[in-house]
Amino acid sequence: MKKTAYILTLLGLLTFYSTYAQSDTKRSIKASVGYGISSPYDDVEVNGSGFFAQGEYVLEFYNWLDVRPYAGFILASSDEEDNAANEAGFKSDANAFLIGGKARITAPIPWVAPYLEAGIGMSFGKFETITNTTNIEKSGALYHIPISVGLEIGRKHNIDVSLTYFLHPTAEQVSGAFTFGVVFPLN
């Protein structure tokens, strides 16, 4: 009986403390769209292009550190008009739903703040990487490593311009985008 009371008291204190600690956390949602790309790890002249969109739930702990769970998708296929790549049969296609989490470190500079972010996530979809040394077709769930560099722009840093990449080691491919985003504060 005493043990249960101690555990309930401890859980209550932890809940109160975590709720209190999170009250200062700024929350927002970021929506991004951009020009999607895909490229093989190999050094060959074949690239896919298309569309990229992503949404993030932003938890800002400090003005220089935040955590961002995200969900998005990329639709990028090899250019059918690239005769050199088509003749060789090369491809770099990525059509996937992306989900994961990442952390961002931002230089707290007014108006234009550069940042770097990285994390881990899962891709659900289809990837094709075909070059002279690689022949990979993967479908289903694959892990990826998101890496982004960019700028937060504006008085409240609510405009975002970035280069976002997703490394897919099992598909030997990099997909990503040049993105433009808008941040909507929740509190």
Protein backbone atom coordinates (compact mmCIF):
# COMPACT_ATOMS: atom_id res chain seq x y z
CA MET A 1 0.00 0.00 0.00
CA LYS A 2 2.79 2.44 0.91
CA LYS A 3 4.66 1.50 -2.24
CA THR A 4 1.64 2.33 -4.41
CA ALA A 5 1.18 5.67 -2.64
CA TYR A 6 4.84 6.55 -3.20
CA ILE A 7 4.63 5.63 -6.87
CA LEU A 8 1.41 7.64 -7.36
CA THR A 9 2.92 10.63 -5.56
CA LEU A 10 6.08 10.40 -7.64
CA LEU A 11 4.07 10.15 -10.88
CA GLY A 12 1.93 13.11 -9.81
CA LEU A 13 5.01 15.23 -9.06
CA LEU A 14 6.64 14.27 -12.35
CA THR A 15 3.46 15.12 -14.26
CA PHE A 16 3.16 18.48 -12.49
CA TYR A 17 6.84 19.25 -13.02
CA SER A 18 6.79 18.30 -16.74
CA THR A 19 3.60 20.34 -17.30
CA TYR A 20 5.14 23.31 -15.51
CA ALA A 21 8.42 22.96 -17.41
CA GLN A 22 6.63 22.85 -20.76
CA SER A 23 4.57 25.97 -20.12
CA ASP A 24 7.47 28.15 -21.35
CA THR A 25 7.95 26.07 -24.50
CA LYS A 26 6.91 27.94 -27.62
CA ARG A 27 4.88 25.84 -30.03
CA SER A 28 4.22 26.41 -33.70
CA ILE A 29 3.49 24.68 -36.98
CA LYS A 30 5.66 25.07 -40.05
CA ALA A 31 4.44 24.30 -43.58
CA SER A 32 7.01 23.96 -46.37
CA VAL A 33 6.82 23.35 -50.11
CA GLY A 34 9.60 23.10 -52.62
CA TYR A 35 11.31 21.75 -55.68
CA GLY A 36 12.08 18.08 -54.97
CA ILE A 37 15.18 16.26 -56.18
CA SER A 38 16.67 12.77 -56.02
CA SER A 39 20.20 11.76 -56.80
CA PRO A 40 22.21 8.53 -56.47
CA TYR A 41 25.25 8.25 -54.21
CA ASP A 42 27.27 7.38 -57.35
CA ASP A 43 28.98 10.18 -59.24
CA VAL A 44 26.87 10.04 -62.40
CA GLU A 45 24.82 12.64 -64.24
CA VAL A 46 21.32 11.43 -63.42
CA ASN A 47 18.85 13.26 -61.19
CA GLY A 48 15.18 13.10 -60.45
CA SER A 49 13.04 16.18 -59.99
CA GLY A 50 9.54 16.89 -58.79
CA PHE A 51 7.59 18.18 -55.80
CA PHE A 52 8.19 18.24 -52.04
CA ALA A 53 5.88 19.23 -49.15
CA GLN A 54 6.35 18.92 -45.40
CA GLY A 55 4.67 19.92 -42.15
CA GLU A 56 6.45 20.25 -38.80
CA TYR A 57 5.28 20.63 -35.21
CA VAL A 58 7.88 22.91 -33.60
CA LEU A 59 8.74 22.80 -29.89
CA GLU A 60 11.15 25.66 -29.19
CA PHE A 61 13.02 25.21 -25.90
CA TYR A 62 15.43 28.12 -26.37
CA ASN A 63 15.75 30.71 -29.13
CA TRP A 64 18.65 28.62 -30.47
CA LEU A 65 17.32 25.03 -29.94
CA ASP A 66 14.10 23.30 -30.95
CA VAL A 67 12.74 19.84 -31.71
CA ARG A 68 10.63 19.15 -34.79
CA PRO A 69 8.52 16.06 -35.45
CA TYR A 70 7.66 16.13 -39.17
CA ALA A 71 5.61 14.48 -41.89
CA GLY A 72 5.82 15.11 -45.61
CA PHE A 73 6.22 13.60 -49.03
CA ILE A 74 8.48 13.72 -52.04
CA LEU A 75 7.62 12.90 -55.64
CA ALA A 76 10.76 12.99 -57.80
CA SER A 77 11.41 11.09 -61.00
CA SER A 78 14.21 11.05 -63.54
CA ASP A 79 13.92 13.40 -66.48
CA GLU A 80 12.69 11.48 -69.53
CA GLU A 81 14.18 14.13 -71.82
CA ASP A 82 17.73 13.51 -70.55
CA ASN A 83 18.84 11.37 -73.49
CA ALA A 84 22.24 10.43 -72.04
CA ALA A 85 20.69 9.01 -68.86
CA ASN A 86 17.85 7.29 -70.74
CA GLU A 87 20.22 5.62 -73.21
CA ALA A 88 22.27 4.25 -70.35
CA GLY A 89 19.11 3.21 -68.46
CA PHE A 90 20.00 5.32 -65.42
CA LYS A 91 17.32 6.34 -62.91
CA SER A 92 17.01 8.13 -59.61
CA ASP A 93 13.36 8.11 -58.53
CA ALA A 94 11.88 8.77 -55.10
CA ASN A 95 8.15 8.64 -54.36
CA ALA A 96 7.62 8.44 -50.63
CA PHE A 97 5.85 9.61 -47.49
CA LEU A 98 8.38 10.84 -44.91
CA ILE A 99 7.94 10.91 -41.13
CA GLY A 100 10.40 11.44 -38.28
CA GLY A 101 11.95 13.87 -35.86
CA LYS A 102 14.84 16.31 -35.96
CA ALA A 103 16.54 18.92 -33.82
CA ARG A 104 17.49 22.40 -35.01
CA ILE A 105 20.33 24.61 -33.80
CA THR A 106 19.87 28.25 -34.82
CA ALA A 107 22.23 31.21 -34.54
CA PRO A 108 20.04 33.69 -32.61
CA ILE A 109 20.58 36.63 -34.95
CA PRO A 110 17.79 39.18 -35.55
CA TRP A 111 16.05 39.21 -38.96
CA VAL A 112 18.20 36.52 -40.64
CA ALA A 113 19.17 33.50 -38.53
CA PRO A 114 21.11 30.61 -40.11
CA TYR A 115 20.43 27.10 -38.85
CA LEU A 116 21.45 23.46 -39.10
CA GLU A 117 19.20 20.51 -38.32
CA ALA A 118 19.49 16.73 -38.29
CA GLY A 119 17.52 13.74 -37.08
CA ILE A 120 16.17 10.31 -38.01
CA GLY A 121 13.03 9.13 -39.75
CA MET A 122 11.21 6.59 -41.89
CA SER A 123 10.24 6.70 -45.56
CA PHE A 124 7.29 4.73 -46.89
CA GLY A 125 7.24 4.40 -50.65
CA LYS A 126 9.33 3.40 -53.64
CA PHE A 127 12.93 4.24 -54.51
CA GLU A 128 14.83 3.35 -57.69
CA THR A 129 18.55 3.93 -58.05
CA ILE A 130 19.97 2.57 -61.30
CA THR A 131 23.48 3.53 -62.44
CA ASN A 132 26.43 1.68 -63.96
CA THR A 133 27.44 0.36 -60.49
CA THR A 134 24.11 0.35 -58.62
CA ASN A 135 20.83 -1.40 -59.35
CA ILE A 136 18.48 -0.95 -56.39
CA GLU A 137 14.70 -0.93 -56.30
CA LYS A 138 13.31 -0.61 -52.78
CA SER A 139 9.67 -0.44 -51.72
CA GLY A 140 8.10 -0.26 -48.29
CA ALA A 141 9.60 1.24 -45.15
CA LEU A 142 13.19 2.53 -45.19
CA TYR A 143 14.99 4.61 -42.60
CA HIS A 144 16.43 7.97 -43.58
CA ILE A 145 18.61 10.69 -42.07
CA PRO A 146 17.29 14.23 -42.57
CA ILE A 147 19.82 17.08 -42.78
CA SER A 148 18.93 20.71 -43.49
CA VAL A 149 20.67 24.05 -43.71
CA GLY A 150 18.74 27.25 -44.06
CA LEU A 151 17.74 30.71 -42.93
CA GLU A 152 14.94 31.91 -40.68
CA ILE A 153 13.93 35.32 -42.03
CA GLY A 154 11.86 38.18 -40.61
CA ARG A 155 11.39 40.04 -37.36
CA LYS A 156 9.79 36.96 -35.78
CA HIS A 157 11.73 34.47 -37.95
CA ASN A 158 8.46 33.22 -39.43
CA ILE A 159 9.74 32.75 -43.00
CA ASP A 160 12.07 29.85 -43.71
CA VAL A 161 14.25 29.11 -46.77
CA SER A 162 16.27 25.89 -46.75
CA LEU A 163 18.05 23.07 -48.50
CA THR A 164 16.62 19.86 -47.06
CA TYR A 165 18.14 16.44 -47.72
CA PHE A 166 17.11 12.91 -46.77
CA LEU A 167 19.90 10.33 -46.94
CA HIS A 168 18.54 6.86 -47.79
CA PRO A 169 21.48 4.50 -47.19
CA THR A 170 19.60 1.30 -48.13
CA ALA A 171 18.52 2.82 -51.48
CA GLU A 172 21.94 4.48 -51.98
CA GLN A 173 20.14 7.70 -52.80
CA VAL A 174 19.73 11.26 -51.56
CA SER A 175 16.39 12.97 -51.94
CA GLY A 176 15.60 16.48 -50.90
CA ALA A 177 14.38 19.90 -51.88
CA PHE A 178 14.91 23.60 -52.04
CA THR A 179 12.06 24.72 -49.78
CA PHE A 180 10.13 27.79 -48.78
CA GLY A 181 8.26 27.63 -45.46
CA VAL A 182 5.95 29.67 -43.25
CA VAL A 183 5.71 29.33 -39.45
CA PHE A 184 2.36 29.71 -37.67
CA PRO A 185 2.66 30.29 -33.88
CA LEU A 186 0.28 28.30 -31.67
CA ASN A 187 0.77 30.23 -28.39
